[in-house]
Amino acid sequence: MRLILRRPEPAADVWRYPGEAGSGPQVLTLAELTAGAAAAGALGVLIGPTDDVRLLAPYLGRLTLVVVQFEKLGDGRGYSQAQVLRQQVGYRGELRASGALKRDHMYLLARCGFDAFELDPSEDGQGAWAQLERFSVAYQASSGTLVHPHLKGAALGS
């Protein structure tokens, strides 16, 4: 069972990713979503590193969850996808980072707009959450929603 960090405490995940059996709302691939495979109810989509997130614009009214998959450490495309989703597409639902992530990524993921995190099971949830408070000053504005209230969207000197 996946544990998702949404608050300082891990929470069990109710969503079913592509290929998983069971109950709960289904997360579709972008190809399934755009082909009309969406069922009634809560709607989630899994975005791969090469997917164009701008294709989600017509579905914003129905999307509850967008999962951005990081396939390997060092791949920064998911950060860019999060920024586009938040700033250009206008997505306001849960934006989850998933895959090859470590707790050291938490702060930058949040600055790009992620508000939920599925980390490697070997990571300590409390230690990972502490990364969001790691820095007290940001030098540029962000799309972040979870960074400390005194930092949210603030840039040094603004």
Protein backbone atom coordinates (compact mmCIF):
# COMPACT_ATOMS: atom_id res chain seq x y z
CA MET A 1 0.00 0.00 0.00
CA ARG A 2 1.30 3.41 -0.92
CA LEU A 3 1.81 6.02 1.77
CA ILE A 4 1.28 9.58 0.66
CA LEU A 5 2.57 12.63 2.51
CA ARG A 6 -0.08 15.34 2.50
CA ARG A 7 0.50 16.51 6.03
CA PRO A 8 3.26 15.72 8.49
CA GLU A 9 1.63 12.30 8.92
CA PRO A 10 1.60 9.67 6.17
CA ALA A 11 -1.83 8.71 4.84
CA ALA A 12 -2.97 5.57 3.03
CA ASP A 13 -3.76 6.09 -0.63
CA VAL A 14 -7.30 5.35 -1.88
CA TRP A 15 -6.49 5.75 -5.60
CA ARG A 16 -5.85 2.83 -7.99
CA TYR A 17 -3.00 3.46 -10.40
CA PRO A 18 -3.09 2.05 -13.96
CA GLY A 19 -2.96 -1.74 -13.89
CA GLU A 20 -3.97 -2.06 -10.24
CA ALA A 21 -7.06 -4.00 -9.18
CA GLY A 22 -9.31 -3.19 -6.26
CA SER A 23 -11.79 -0.58 -5.23
CA GLY A 24 -11.41 3.18 -5.10
CA PRO A 25 -11.16 5.86 -7.74
CA GLN A 26 -9.05 5.04 -10.80
CA VAL A 27 -6.02 6.99 -12.01
CA LEU A 28 -5.89 6.90 -15.81
CA THR A 29 -2.94 7.47 -18.10
CA LEU A 30 -3.06 10.62 -20.20
CA ALA A 31 -3.72 8.48 -23.29
CA GLU A 32 -6.70 6.78 -21.60
CA LEU A 33 -8.09 10.12 -20.44
CA THR A 34 -7.87 11.78 -23.84
CA ALA A 35 -9.37 8.67 -25.50
CA GLY A 36 -12.50 9.05 -23.37
CA ALA A 37 -11.93 6.24 -20.87
CA ALA A 38 -12.97 8.39 -17.89
CA ALA A 39 -15.76 7.02 -15.72
CA ALA A 40 -18.10 9.00 -13.48
CA GLY A 41 -16.85 10.15 -10.10
CA ALA A 42 -13.43 11.27 -8.95
CA LEU A 43 -10.94 11.49 -11.78
CA GLY A 44 -7.17 11.15 -11.59
CA VAL A 45 -4.47 11.06 -14.25
CA LEU A 46 -0.88 9.79 -14.31
CA ILE A 47 1.55 11.97 -16.24
CA GLY A 48 4.78 10.52 -17.61
CA PRO A 49 7.94 12.56 -18.21
CA THR A 50 7.20 13.07 -21.93
CA ASP A 51 3.48 13.88 -21.59
CA ASP A 52 2.24 17.34 -22.54
CA VAL A 53 0.34 18.55 -19.46
CA ARG A 54 -1.37 21.29 -21.48
CA LEU A 55 -3.64 18.52 -22.83
CA LEU A 56 -5.29 18.43 -19.38
CA ALA A 57 -6.88 21.87 -19.79
CA PRO A 58 -10.27 20.57 -21.07
CA TYR A 59 -10.51 18.20 -18.07
CA LEU A 60 -9.77 20.67 -15.26
CA GLY A 61 -13.36 20.72 -14.05
CA ARG A 62 -13.28 16.97 -13.40
CA LEU A 63 -9.71 16.30 -12.28
CA THR A 64 -9.20 15.63 -8.59
CA LEU A 65 -5.66 14.27 -8.78
CA VAL A 66 -2.68 14.62 -11.11
CA VAL A 67 0.23 12.25 -10.42
CA VAL A 68 3.51 13.30 -12.03
CA GLN A 69 5.82 10.33 -12.42
CA PHE A 70 9.56 10.78 -11.89
CA GLU A 71 11.11 7.74 -13.58
CA LYS A 72 14.69 8.28 -12.43
CA LEU A 73 16.70 10.48 -10.10
CA GLY A 74 17.97 13.61 -11.77
CA ASP A 75 15.12 13.92 -14.27
CA GLY A 76 13.76 17.45 -13.92
CA ARG A 77 10.88 17.29 -16.40
CA GLY A 78 8.34 16.69 -13.62
CA TYR A 79 9.29 20.01 -12.00
CA SER A 80 8.55 21.81 -15.27
CA GLN A 81 5.29 19.91 -15.71
CA ALA A 82 4.17 21.01 -12.22
CA GLN A 83 4.97 24.65 -12.98
CA VAL A 84 3.01 24.51 -16.25
CA LEU A 85 0.05 22.83 -14.54
CA ARG A 86 -0.11 25.42 -11.77
CA GLN A 87 0.83 28.61 -13.65
CA GLN A 88 -0.34 28.09 -17.24
CA VAL A 89 -3.07 25.44 -17.15
CA GLY A 90 -4.55 26.65 -13.83
CA TYR A 91 -4.83 23.28 -12.09
CA ARG A 92 -5.79 23.67 -8.41
CA GLY A 93 -6.40 20.05 -7.31
CA GLU A 94 -3.98 17.63 -5.67
CA LEU A 95 -0.66 17.50 -7.50
CA ARG A 96 1.30 14.44 -6.43
CA ALA A 97 4.97 13.70 -7.10
CA SER A 98 5.64 9.97 -7.46
CA GLY A 99 8.52 7.69 -8.36
CA ALA A 100 12.26 8.14 -7.99
CA LEU A 101 12.20 10.80 -5.29
CA LYS A 102 14.09 11.30 -2.08
CA ARG A 103 13.35 13.56 0.85
CA ASP A 104 15.99 16.03 -0.32
CA HIS A 105 13.64 16.85 -3.23
CA MET A 106 10.68 17.83 -1.01
CA TYR A 107 11.38 21.54 -0.72
CA LEU A 108 11.92 22.09 -4.44
CA LEU A 109 8.93 19.92 -5.35
CA ALA A 110 6.72 22.05 -3.10
CA ARG A 111 8.16 25.25 -4.60
CA CYS A 112 7.08 23.98 -8.04
CA GLY A 113 3.51 23.33 -6.90
CA PHE A 114 3.38 19.77 -5.59
CA ASP A 115 1.22 19.35 -2.51
CA ALA A 116 1.40 15.55 -2.06
CA PHE A 117 4.40 13.24 -2.19
CA GLU A 118 4.86 9.53 -2.73
CA LEU A 119 8.43 8.88 -1.69
CA ASP A 120 10.55 5.75 -1.72
CA PRO A 121 9.32 3.44 1.09
CA SER A 122 12.79 3.59 2.70
CA GLU A 123 12.38 7.33 3.38
CA ASP A 124 11.36 8.57 6.82
CA GLY A 125 8.07 10.49 6.49
CA GLN A 126 8.76 12.90 9.35
CA GLY A 127 12.27 13.61 8.09
CA ALA A 128 10.94 14.16 4.60
CA TRP A 129 8.28 16.57 5.82
CA ALA A 130 10.93 18.52 7.75
CA GLN A 131 12.60 19.32 4.42
CA LEU A 132 9.75 21.76 3.67
CA GLU A 133 11.05 23.96 6.48
CA ARG A 134 14.69 23.55 5.54
CA PHE A 135 15.18 27.04 4.15
CA SER A 136 13.95 30.29 5.69
CA VAL A 137 14.36 32.54 2.64
CA ALA A 138 13.47 32.04 -1.01
CA TYR A 139 15.11 34.12 -3.70
CA GLN A 140 12.31 33.84 -6.24
CA ALA A 141 8.56 33.46 -6.39
CA SER A 142 7.06 29.98 -6.61
CA SER A 143 4.00 27.96 -7.51
CA GLY A 144 4.25 26.27 -4.14
CA THR A 145 1.33 25.68 -1.85
CA LEU A 146 2.97 23.93 1.11
CA VAL A 147 6.01 26.05 1.82
CA HIS A 148 5.92 27.87 5.14
CA PRO A 149 3.30 30.66 5.22
CA HIS A 150 5.97 33.36 5.56
CA LEU A 151 7.68 32.00 2.41
CA LYS A 152 4.67 31.12 0.25
CA GLY A 153 5.09 32.96 -3.01
CA ALA A 154 7.52 35.39 -1.40
CA ALA A 155 10.83 36.29 -2.90
CA LEU A 156 13.75 37.89 -1.14
CA GLY A 157 13.43 41.64 -1.39
CA SER A 158 9.77 41.60 -2.45
